[in-house]
Amino acid sequence: KIRSVTSKDNACIYYDPLNKSCTIYAYRPLQCRVLK
């Protein structure tokens, strides 16, 4: 898996909370591409 920020913060490390966006969006993994 892509790791979380910390053991207490489950957020994906590639998530940008300020802009509410993915920092690797152009090549995000399969699960992210199909998730609705």
PDB file of all heavy atoms in Angstrom:
ATOM      1  N   LYS A   1       0.837  -1.197   0.000  1.00  0.00           N
ATOM      2  CA  LYS A   1       0.000   0.000   0.000  1.00  0.00           C
ATOM      3  C   LYS A   1       0.872   1.248   0.000  1.00  0.00           C
ATOM      4  O   LYS A   1       2.017   1.231   0.464  1.00  0.00           O
ATOM      5  CB  LYS A   1      -0.870   0.045   1.269  1.00  0.00           C
ATOM      6  CG  LYS A   1      -1.943  -1.015   1.364  1.00  0.00           C
ATOM      7  CD  LYS A   1      -2.840  -0.744   2.567  1.00  0.00           C
ATOM      8  CE  LYS A   1      -3.604   0.555   2.417  1.00  0.00           C
ATOM      9  NZ  LYS A   1      -4.586   0.757   3.506  1.00  0.00           N
ATOM     10  N   ILE A   2       0.305   2.343  -0.479  1.00  0.00           N
ATOM     11  CA  ILE A   2       0.920   3.645  -0.245  1.00  0.00           C
ATOM     12  C   ILE A   2       0.735   3.967   1.230  1.00  0.00           C
ATOM     13  O   ILE A   2      -0.369   3.823   1.769  1.00  0.00           O
ATOM     14  CB  ILE A   2       0.281   4.722  -1.143  1.00  0.00           C
ATOM     15  CG1 ILE A   2       0.612   4.444  -2.613  1.00  0.00           C
ATOM     16  CG2 ILE A   2       0.764   6.115  -0.745  1.00  0.00           C
ATOM     17  CD1 ILE A   2      -0.002   5.422  -3.583  1.00  0.00           C
ATOM     18  N   ARG A   3       1.810   4.354   1.877  1.00  0.00           N
ATOM     19  CA  ARG A   3       1.752   4.544   3.323  1.00  0.00           C
ATOM     20  C   ARG A   3       0.934   5.768   3.723  1.00  0.00           C
ATOM     21  O   ARG A   3       0.699   6.682   2.911  1.00  0.00           O
ATOM     22  CB  ARG A   3       3.156   4.636   3.915  1.00  0.00           C
ATOM     23  CG  ARG A   3       3.952   5.854   3.560  1.00  0.00           C
ATOM     24  CD  ARG A   3       5.249   5.957   4.364  1.00  0.00           C
ATOM     25  NE  ARG A   3       6.127   4.839   4.185  1.00  0.00           N
ATOM     26  CZ  ARG A   3       6.322   3.884   5.112  1.00  0.00           C
ATOM     27  NH1 ARG A   3       5.690   3.955   6.269  1.00  0.00           N
ATOM     28  NH2 ARG A   3       7.154   2.891   4.891  1.00  0.00           N
ATOM     29  N   SER A   4       0.514   5.776   4.969  1.00  0.00           N
ATOM     30  CA  SER A   4      -0.209   6.914   5.537  1.00  0.00           C
ATOM     31  C   SER A   4       0.791   7.947   6.060  1.00  0.00           C
ATOM     32  O   SER A   4       1.990   7.669   6.190  1.00  0.00           O
ATOM     33  CB  SER A   4      -1.121   6.450   6.670  1.00  0.00           C
ATOM     34  OG  SER A   4      -2.097   5.547   6.188  1.00  0.00           O
ATOM     35  N   VAL A   5       0.299   9.112   6.380  1.00  0.00           N
ATOM     36  CA  VAL A   5       1.165  10.195   6.849  1.00  0.00           C
ATOM     37  C   VAL A   5       1.893   9.786   8.127  1.00  0.00           C
ATOM     38  O   VAL A   5       3.118   9.865   8.218  1.00  0.00           O
ATOM     39  CB  VAL A   5       0.344  11.480   7.086  1.00  0.00           C
ATOM     40  CG1 VAL A   5       1.211  12.570   7.708  1.00  0.00           C
ATOM     41  CG2 VAL A   5      -0.254  11.969   5.770  1.00  0.00           C
ATOM     42  N   THR A   6       1.146   9.317   9.110  1.00  0.00           N
ATOM     43  CA  THR A   6       1.718   8.805  10.359  1.00  0.00           C
ATOM     44  C   THR A   6       0.825   7.684  10.868  1.00  0.00           C
ATOM     45  O   THR A   6      -0.242   7.409  10.305  1.00  0.00           O
ATOM     46  CB  THR A   6       1.807   9.901  11.451  1.00  0.00           C
ATOM     47  OG1 THR A   6       0.470  10.261  11.862  1.00  0.00           O
ATOM     48  CG2 THR A   6       2.539  11.134  10.951  1.00  0.00           C
ATOM     49  N   SER A   7       1.234   7.054  11.958  1.00  0.00           N
ATOM     50  CA  SER A   7       0.416   5.997  12.551  1.00  0.00           C
ATOM     51  C   SER A   7      -0.888   6.546  13.111  1.00  0.00           C
ATOM     52  O   SER A   7      -1.865   5.813  13.287  1.00  0.00           O
ATOM     53  CB  SER A   7       1.201   5.285  13.666  1.00  0.00           C
ATOM     54  OG  SER A   7       1.567   6.211  14.676  1.00  0.00           O
ATOM     55  N   LYS A   8      -0.929   7.854  13.392  1.00  0.00           N
ATOM     56  CA  LYS A   8      -2.137   8.471  13.943  1.00  0.00           C
ATOM     57  C   LYS A   8      -2.916   9.260  12.898  1.00  0.00           C
ATOM     58  O   LYS A   8      -4.049   9.656  13.144  1.00  0.00           O
ATOM     59  CB  LYS A   8      -1.762   9.388  15.114  1.00  0.00           C
ATOM     60  CG  LYS A   8      -1.189   8.640  16.314  1.00  0.00           C
ATOM     61  CD  LYS A   8      -0.889   9.575  17.457  1.00  0.00           C
ATOM     62  CE  LYS A   8      -0.330   8.818  18.657  1.00  0.00           C
ATOM     63  NZ  LYS A   8      -0.021   9.720  19.785  1.00  0.00           N
ATOM     64  N   ASP A   9      -2.298   9.499  11.749  1.00  0.00           N
ATOM     65  CA  ASP A   9      -2.950  10.224  10.653  1.00  0.00           C
ATOM     66  C   ASP A   9      -3.000   9.297   9.447  1.00  0.00           C
ATOM     67  O   ASP A   9      -1.993   9.069   8.784  1.00  0.00           O
ATOM     68  CB  ASP A   9      -2.158  11.494  10.325  1.00  0.00           C
ATOM     69  CG  ASP A   9      -2.817  12.338   9.241  1.00  0.00           C
ATOM     70  OD1 ASP A   9      -3.800  11.867   8.622  1.00  0.00           O
ATOM     71  OD2 ASP A   9      -2.345  13.464   8.995  1.00  0.00           O
ATOM     72  N   ASN A  10      -4.175   8.749   9.168  1.00  0.00           N
ATOM     73  CA  ASN A  10      -4.326   7.745   8.113  1.00  0.00           C
ATOM     74  C   ASN A  10      -4.277   8.299   6.704  1.00  0.00           C
ATOM     75  O   ASN A  10      -4.275   7.535   5.736  1.00  0.00           O
ATOM     76  CB  ASN A  10      -5.646   6.977   8.304  1.00  0.00           C
ATOM     77  CG  ASN A  10      -5.576   6.014   9.466  1.00  0.00           C
ATOM     78  OD1 ASN A  10      -4.517   5.484   9.790  1.00  0.00           O
ATOM     79  ND2 ASN A  10      -6.716   5.789  10.112  1.00  0.00           N
ATOM     80  N   ALA A  11      -4.247   9.602   6.559  1.00  0.00           N
ATOM     81  CA  ALA A  11      -4.296  10.200   5.222  1.00  0.00           C
ATOM     82  C   ALA A  11      -3.160   9.688   4.343  1.00  0.00           C
ATOM     83  O   ALA A  11      -2.032   9.490   4.791  1.00  0.00           O
ATOM     84  CB  ALA A  11      -4.223  11.720   5.327  1.00  0.00           C
ATOM     85  N   CYS A  12      -3.465   9.450   3.079  1.00  0.00           N
ATOM     86  CA  CYS A  12      -2.461   9.060   2.095  1.00  0.00           C
ATOM     87  C   CYS A  12      -1.382  10.141   2.026  1.00  0.00           C
ATOM     88  O   CYS A  12      -1.689  11.342   2.018  1.00  0.00           O
ATOM     89  CB  CYS A  12      -3.128   8.891   0.731  1.00  0.00           C
ATOM     90  SG  CYS A  12      -1.970   8.557  -0.628  1.00  0.00           S
ATOM     91  N   ILE A  13      -0.111   9.730   1.949  1.00  0.00           N
ATOM     92  CA  ILE A  13       0.975  10.718   1.955  1.00  0.00           C
ATOM     93  C   ILE A  13       0.966  11.603   0.710  1.00  0.00           C
ATOM     94  O   ILE A  13       1.590  12.660   0.705  1.00  0.00           O
ATOM     95  CB  ILE A  13       2.353  10.046   2.088  1.00  0.00           C
ATOM     96  CG1 ILE A  13       2.584   9.054   0.953  1.00  0.00           C
ATOM     97  CG2 ILE A  13       2.521   9.404   3.430  1.00  0.00           C
ATOM     98  CD1 ILE A  13       4.006   8.593   0.867  1.00  0.00           C
ATOM     99  N   TYR A  14       0.272  11.175  -0.335  1.00  0.00           N
ATOM    100  CA  TYR A  14       0.217  11.977  -1.555  1.00  0.00           C
ATOM    101  C   TYR A  14      -0.982  12.930  -1.584  1.00  0.00           C
ATOM    102  O   TYR A  14      -1.190  13.628  -2.581  1.00  0.00           O
ATOM    103  CB  TYR A  14       0.186  11.068  -2.786  1.00  0.00           C
ATOM    104  CG  TYR A  14       1.478  10.334  -3.012  1.00  0.00           C
ATOM    105  CD1 TYR A  14       1.512   8.947  -3.061  1.00  0.00           C
ATOM    106  CD2 TYR A  14       2.683  11.018  -3.175  1.00  0.00           C
ATOM    107  CE1 TYR A  14       2.702   8.254  -3.267  1.00  0.00           C
ATOM    108  CE2 TYR A  14       3.875  10.344  -3.379  1.00  0.00           C
ATOM    109  CZ  TYR A  14       3.879   8.966  -3.429  1.00  0.00           C
ATOM    110  OH  TYR A  14       5.054   8.287  -3.630  1.00  0.00           O
ATOM    111  N   TYR A  15      -1.742  12.959  -0.511  1.00  0.00           N
ATOM    112  CA  TYR A  15      -2.904  13.856  -0.456  1.00  0.00           C
ATOM    113  C   TYR A  15      -2.465  15.238   0.025  1.00  0.00           C
ATOM    114  O   TYR A  15      -1.745  15.367   1.024  1.00  0.00           O
ATOM    115  CB  TYR A  15      -3.970  13.297   0.481  1.00  0.00           C
ATOM    116  CG  TYR A  15      -5.177  14.190   0.647  1.00  0.00           C
ATOM    117  CD1 TYR A  15      -5.977  14.513  -0.445  1.00  0.00           C
ATOM    118  CD2 TYR A  15      -5.518  14.719   1.888  1.00  0.00           C
ATOM    119  CE1 TYR A  15      -7.081  15.342  -0.309  1.00  0.00           C
ATOM    120  CE2 TYR A  15      -6.628  15.530   2.044  1.00  0.00           C
ATOM    121  CZ  TYR A  15      -7.403  15.844   0.944  1.00  0.00           C
ATOM    122  OH  TYR A  15      -8.500  16.668   1.079  1.00  0.00           O
ATOM    123  N   ASP A  16      -2.881  16.253  -0.694  1.00  0.00           N
ATOM    124  CA  ASP A  16      -2.603  17.644  -0.323  1.00  0.00           C
ATOM    125  C   ASP A  16      -3.861  18.210   0.334  1.00  0.00           C
ATOM    126  O   ASP A  16      -4.817  18.573  -0.364  1.00  0.00           O
ATOM    127  CB  ASP A  16      -2.252  18.448  -1.583  1.00  0.00           C
ATOM    128  CG  ASP A  16      -2.033  19.928  -1.292  1.00  0.00           C
ATOM    129  OD1 ASP A  16      -2.189  20.350  -0.132  1.00  0.00           O
ATOM    130  OD2 ASP A  16      -1.706  20.668  -2.244  1.00  0.00           O
ATOM    131  N   PRO A  17      -3.886  18.286   1.679  1.00  0.00           N
ATOM    132  CA  PRO A  17      -5.109  18.724   2.364  1.00  0.00           C
ATOM    133  C   PRO A  17      -5.448  20.189   2.128  1.00  0.00           C
ATOM    134  O   PRO A  17      -6.613  20.576   2.177  1.00  0.00           O
ATOM    135  CB  PRO A  17      -4.787  18.468   3.845  1.00  0.00           C
ATOM    136  CG  PRO A  17      -3.295  18.492   3.919  1.00  0.00           C
ATOM    137  CD  PRO A  17      -2.811  17.942   2.615  1.00  0.00           C
ATOM    138  N   LEU A  18      -4.430  21.006   1.853  1.00  0.00           N
ATOM    139  CA  LEU A  18      -4.687  22.432   1.629  1.00  0.00           C
ATOM    140  C   LEU A  18      -5.518  22.651   0.375  1.00  0.00           C
ATOM    141  O   LEU A  18      -6.486  23.416   0.366  1.00  0.00           O
ATOM    142  CB  LEU A  18      -3.357  23.193   1.530  1.00  0.00           C
ATOM    143  CG  LEU A  18      -3.475  24.711   1.386  1.00  0.00           C
ATOM    144  CD1 LEU A  18      -4.158  25.319   2.608  1.00  0.00           C
ATOM    145  CD2 LEU A  18      -2.094  25.336   1.189  1.00  0.00           C
ATOM    146  N   ASN A  19      -5.138  21.950  -0.684  1.00  0.00           N
ATOM    147  CA  ASN A  19      -5.852  22.099  -1.961  1.00  0.00           C
ATOM    148  C   ASN A  19      -6.856  20.978  -2.211  1.00  0.00           C
ATOM    149  O   ASN A  19      -7.511  20.955  -3.257  1.00  0.00           O
ATOM    150  CB  ASN A  19      -4.845  22.140  -3.111  1.00  0.00           C
ATOM    151  CG  ASN A  19      -3.943  23.353  -3.050  1.00  0.00           C
ATOM    152  OD1 ASN A  19      -4.425  24.475  -2.999  1.00  0.00           O
ATOM    153  ND2 ASN A  19      -2.633  23.124  -3.037  1.00  0.00           N
ATOM    154  N   LYS A  20      -6.934  20.049  -1.262  1.00  0.00           N
ATOM    155  CA  LYS A  20      -7.812  18.883  -1.391  1.00  0.00           C
ATOM    156  C   LYS A  20      -7.595  18.200  -2.740  1.00  0.00           C
ATOM    157  O   LYS A  20      -8.527  18.008  -3.532  1.00  0.00           O
ATOM    158  CB  LYS A  20      -9.282  19.282  -1.221  1.00  0.00           C
ATOM    159  CG  LYS A  20      -9.629  19.729   0.190  1.00  0.00           C
ATOM    160  CD  LYS A  20     -11.125  19.934   0.382  1.00  0.00           C
ATOM    161  CE  LYS A  20     -11.455  20.260   1.830  1.00  0.00           C
ATOM    162  NZ  LYS A  20     -12.906  20.440   2.040  1.00  0.00           N
ATOM    163  N   SER A  21      -6.342  17.855  -2.979  1.00  0.00           N
ATOM    164  CA  SER A  21      -5.989  17.270  -4.264  1.00  0.00           C
ATOM    165  C   SER A  21      -4.916  16.204  -4.094  1.00  0.00           C
ATOM    166  O   SER A  21      -4.279  16.097  -3.038  1.00  0.00           O
ATOM    167  CB  SER A  21      -5.488  18.358  -5.218  1.00  0.00           C
ATOM    168  OG  SER A  21      -4.303  18.953  -4.704  1.00  0.00           O
ATOM    169  N   CYS A  22      -4.712  15.421  -5.144  1.00  0.00           N
ATOM    170  CA  CYS A  22      -3.707  14.365  -5.161  1.00  0.00           C
ATOM    171  C   CYS A  22      -2.452  14.878  -5.862  1.00  0.00           C
ATOM    172  O   CYS A  22      -2.525  15.377  -6.982  1.00  0.00           O
ATOM    173  CB  CYS A  22      -4.263  13.138  -5.892  1.00  0.00           C
ATOM    174  SG  CYS A  22      -3.043  11.837  -6.156  1.00  0.00           S
ATOM    175  N   THR A  23      -1.294  14.734  -5.217  1.00  0.00           N
ATOM    176  CA  THR A  23      -0.056  15.250  -5.798  1.00  0.00           C
ATOM    177  C   THR A  23       0.511  14.330  -6.884  1.00  0.00           C
ATOM    178  O   THR A  23       1.474  14.688  -7.555  1.00  0.00           O
ATOM    179  CB  THR A  23       1.006  15.454  -4.700  1.00  0.00           C
ATOM    180  OG1 THR A  23       1.256  14.212  -4.034  1.00  0.00           O
ATOM    181  CG2 THR A  23       0.544  16.488  -3.677  1.00  0.00           C
ATOM    182  N   ILE A  24      -0.078  13.141  -7.046  1.00  0.00           N
ATOM    183  CA  ILE A  24       0.351  12.244  -8.130  1.00  0.00           C
ATOM    184  C   ILE A  24      -0.856  11.873  -9.000  1.00  0.00           C
ATOM    185  O   ILE A  24      -0.918  10.778  -9.551  1.00  0.00           O
ATOM    186  CB  ILE A  24       1.037  10.970  -7.584  1.00  0.00           C
ATOM    187  CG1 ILE A  24       0.073  10.200  -6.664  1.00  0.00           C
ATOM    188  CG2 ILE A  24       2.329  11.290  -6.888  1.00  0.00           C
ATOM    189  CD1 ILE A  24       0.532   8.778  -6.362  1.00  0.00           C
ATOM    190  N   TYR A  25      -1.787  12.782  -9.142  1.00  0.00           N
ATOM    191  CA  TYR A  25      -3.053  12.485  -9.806  1.00  0.00           C
ATOM    192  C   TYR A  25      -2.865  11.918 -11.215  1.00  0.00           C
ATOM    193  O   TYR A  25      -3.571  10.995 -11.622  1.00  0.00           O
ATOM    194  CB  TYR A  25      -3.928  13.737  -9.872  1.00  0.00           C
ATOM    195  CG  TYR A  25      -5.316  13.471 -10.413  1.00  0.00           C
ATOM    196  CD1 TYR A  25      -6.310  12.971  -9.578  1.00  0.00           C
ATOM    197  CD2 TYR A  25      -5.626  13.699 -11.752  1.00  0.00           C
ATOM    198  CE1 TYR A  25      -7.584  12.704 -10.063  1.00  0.00           C
ATOM    199  CE2 TYR A  25      -6.891  13.437 -12.248  1.00  0.00           C
ATOM    200  CZ  TYR A  25      -7.875  12.931 -11.394  1.00  0.00           C
ATOM    201  OH  TYR A  25      -9.122  12.658 -11.885  1.00  0.00           O
ATOM    202  N   ALA A  26      -1.902  12.433 -11.956  1.00  0.00           N
ATOM    203  CA  ALA A  26      -1.713  12.010 -13.355  1.00  0.00           C
ATOM    204  C   ALA A  26      -1.306  10.541 -13.459  1.00  0.00           C
ATOM    205  O   ALA A  26      -1.551   9.897 -14.482  1.00  0.00           O
ATOM    206  CB  ALA A  26      -0.659  12.885 -14.029  1.00  0.00           C
ATOM    207  N   TYR A  27      -0.699  10.006 -12.421  1.00  0.00           N
ATOM    208  CA  TYR A  27      -0.313   8.589 -12.432  1.00  0.00           C
ATOM    209  C   TYR A  27      -0.738   7.893 -11.147  1.00  0.00           C
ATOM    210  O   TYR A  27      -0.018   7.074 -10.585  1.00  0.00           O
ATOM    211  CB  TYR A  27       1.202   8.431 -12.675  1.00  0.00           C
ATOM    212  CG  TYR A  27       2.071   9.483 -12.021  1.00  0.00           C
ATOM    213  CD1 TYR A  27       2.538   9.338 -10.724  1.00  0.00           C
ATOM    214  CD2 TYR A  27       2.425  10.637 -12.730  1.00  0.00           C
ATOM    215  CE1 TYR A  27       3.333  10.311 -10.140  1.00  0.00           C
ATOM    216  CE2 TYR A  27       3.218  11.612 -12.155  1.00  0.00           C
ATOM    217  CZ  TYR A  27       3.674  11.442 -10.858  1.00  0.00           C
ATOM    218  OH  TYR A  27       4.454  12.411 -10.284  1.00  0.00           O
ATOM    219  N   ARG A  28      -1.939   8.227 -10.696  1.00  0.00           N
ATOM    220  CA  ARG A  28      -2.500   7.609  -9.503  1.00  0.00           C
ATOM    221  C   ARG A  28      -2.747   6.115  -9.755  1.00  0.00           C
ATOM    222  O   ARG A  28      -2.999   5.698 -10.882  1.00  0.00           O
ATOM    223  CB  ARG A  28      -3.785   8.314  -9.080  1.00  0.00           C
ATOM    224  CG  ARG A  28      -4.923   8.218 -10.086  1.00  0.00           C
ATOM    225  CD  ARG A  28      -5.957   9.310  -9.832  1.00  0.00           C
ATOM    226  NE  ARG A  28      -7.137   9.179 -10.693  1.00  0.00           N
ATOM    227  CZ  ARG A  28      -7.175   9.585 -11.963  1.00  0.00           C
ATOM    228  NH1 ARG A  28      -6.103  10.086 -12.535  1.00  0.00           N
ATOM    229  NH2 ARG A  28      -8.289   9.467 -12.662  1.00  0.00           N
ATOM    230  N   PRO A  29      -2.690   5.305  -8.684  1.00  0.00           N
ATOM    231  CA  PRO A  29      -2.859   3.850  -8.838  1.00  0.00           C
ATOM    232  C   PRO A  29      -4.267   3.448  -9.276  1.00  0.00           C
ATOM    233  O   PRO A  29      -5.219   4.243  -9.239  1.00  0.00           O
ATOM    234  CB  PRO A  29      -2.558   3.316  -7.430  1.00  0.00           C
ATOM    235  CG  PRO A  29      -1.730   4.370  -6.788  1.00  0.00           C
ATOM    236  CD  PRO A  29      -2.266   5.674  -7.334  1.00  0.00           C
ATOM    237  N   LEU A  30      -4.382   2.174  -9.658  1.00  0.00           N
ATOM    238  CA  LEU A  30      -5.631   1.629 -10.178  1.00  0.00           C
ATOM    239  C   LEU A  30      -6.808   1.865  -9.246  1.00  0.00           C
ATOM    240  O   LEU A  30      -7.881   2.301  -9.681  1.00  0.00           O
ATOM    241  CB  LEU A  30      -5.462   0.121 -10.432  1.00  0.00           C
ATOM    242  CG  LEU A  30      -6.725  -0.630 -10.870  1.00  0.00           C
ATOM    243  CD1 LEU A  30      -7.174  -0.158 -12.243  1.00  0.00           C
ATOM    244  CD2 LEU A  30      -6.478  -2.133 -10.864  1.00  0.00           C
ATOM    245  N   GLN A  31      -6.654   1.552  -7.951  1.00  0.00           N
ATOM    246  CA  GLN A  31      -7.775   1.701  -7.025  1.00  0.00           C
ATOM    247  C   GLN A  31      -8.305   3.125  -7.009  1.00  0.00           C
ATOM    248  O   GLN A  31      -9.521   3.342  -6.930  1.00  0.00           O
ATOM    249  CB  GLN A  31      -7.363   1.274  -5.611  1.00  0.00           C
ATOM    250  CG  GLN A  31      -7.268  -0.221  -5.425  1.00  0.00           C
ATOM    251  CD  GLN A  31      -7.120  -0.615  -3.960  1.00  0.00           C
ATOM    252  OE1 GLN A  31      -7.312   0.202  -3.052  1.00  0.00           O
ATOM    253  NE2 GLN A  31      -6.772  -1.868  -3.718  1.00  0.00           N
ATOM    254  N   CYS A  32      -7.400   4.099  -7.090  1.00  0.00           N
ATOM    255  CA  CYS A  32      -7.823   5.504  -7.094  1.00  0.00           C
ATOM    256  C   CYS A  32      -8.536   5.856  -8.397  1.00  0.00           C
ATOM    257  O   CYS A  32      -9.482   6.651  -8.395  1.00  0.00           O
ATOM    258  CB  CYS A  32      -6.617   6.412  -6.895  1.00  0.00           C
ATOM    259  SG  CYS A  32      -5.706   6.111  -5.375  1.00  0.00           S
ATOM    260  N   ARG A  33      -8.085   5.258  -9.491  1.00  0.00           N
ATOM    261  CA  ARG A  33      -8.706   5.566 -10.789  1.00  0.00           C
ATOM    262  C   ARG A  33     -10.130   5.035 -10.881  1.00  0.00           C
ATOM    263  O   ARG A  33     -10.986   5.662 -11.519  1.00  0.00           O
ATOM    264  CB  ARG A  33      -7.857   4.989 -11.933  1.00  0.00           C
ATOM    265  CG  ARG A  33      -6.467   5.584 -12.032  1.00  0.00           C
ATOM    266  CD  ARG A  33      -5.839   5.329 -13.397  1.00  0.00           C
ATOM    267  NE  ARG A  33      -5.719   3.915 -13.732  1.00  0.00           N
ATOM    268  CZ  ARG A  33      -4.664   3.157 -13.420  1.00  0.00           C
ATOM    269  NH1 ARG A  33      -3.661   3.681 -12.738  1.00  0.00           N
ATOM    270  NH2 ARG A  33      -4.615   1.891 -13.789  1.00  0.00           N
ATOM    271  N   VAL A  34     -10.381   3.873 -10.278  1.00  0.00           N
ATOM    272  CA  VAL A  34     -11.715   3.274 -10.420  1.00  0.00           C
ATOM    273  C   VAL A  34     -12.669   3.653  -9.291  1.00  0.00           C
ATOM    274  O   VAL A  34     -13.882   3.441  -9.405  1.00  0.00           O
ATOM    275  CB  VAL A  34     -11.630   1.730 -10.504  1.00  0.00           C
ATOM    276  CG1 VAL A  34     -10.736   1.315 -11.662  1.00  0.00           C
ATOM    277  CG2 VAL A  34     -11.144   1.121  -9.194  1.00  0.00           C
ATOM    278  N   LEU A  35     -12.127   4.220  -8.214  1.00  0.00           N
ATOM    279  CA  LEU A  35     -12.972   4.518  -7.052  1.00  0.00           C
ATOM    280  C   LEU A  35     -13.967   5.634  -7.339  1.00  0.00           C
ATOM    281  O   LEU A  35     -13.600   6.723  -7.778  1.00  0.00           O
ATOM    282  CB  LEU A  35     -12.113   4.912  -5.848  1.00  0.00           C
ATOM    283  CG  LEU A  35     -12.887   5.377  -4.605  1.00  0.00           C
ATOM    284  CD1 LEU A  35     -13.786   4.251  -4.086  1.00  0.00           C
ATOM    285  CD2 LEU A  35     -11.949   5.853  -3.522  1.00  0.00           C
ATOM    286  N   LYS A  36     -15.225   5.337  -7.094  1.00  0.00           N
ATOM    287  CA  LYS A  36     -16.288   6.340  -7.075  1.00  0.00           C
ATOM    288  C   LYS A  36     -17.018   6.121  -5.752  1.00  0.00           C
ATOM    289  O   LYS A  36     -17.657   5.082  -5.564  1.00  0.00           O
ATOM    290  CB  LYS A  36     -17.243   6.166  -8.258  1.00  0.00           C
ATOM    291  CG  LYS A  36     -16.575   6.331  -9.613  1.00  0.00           C
ATOM    292  CD  LYS A  36     -17.582   6.304 -10.754  1.00  0.00           C
ATOM    293  CE  LYS A  36     -18.139   4.915 -11.012  1.00  0.00           C
ATOM    294  NZ  LYS A  36     -17.162   4.026 -11.670  1.00  0.00           N
TER     295      LYS A  36
END
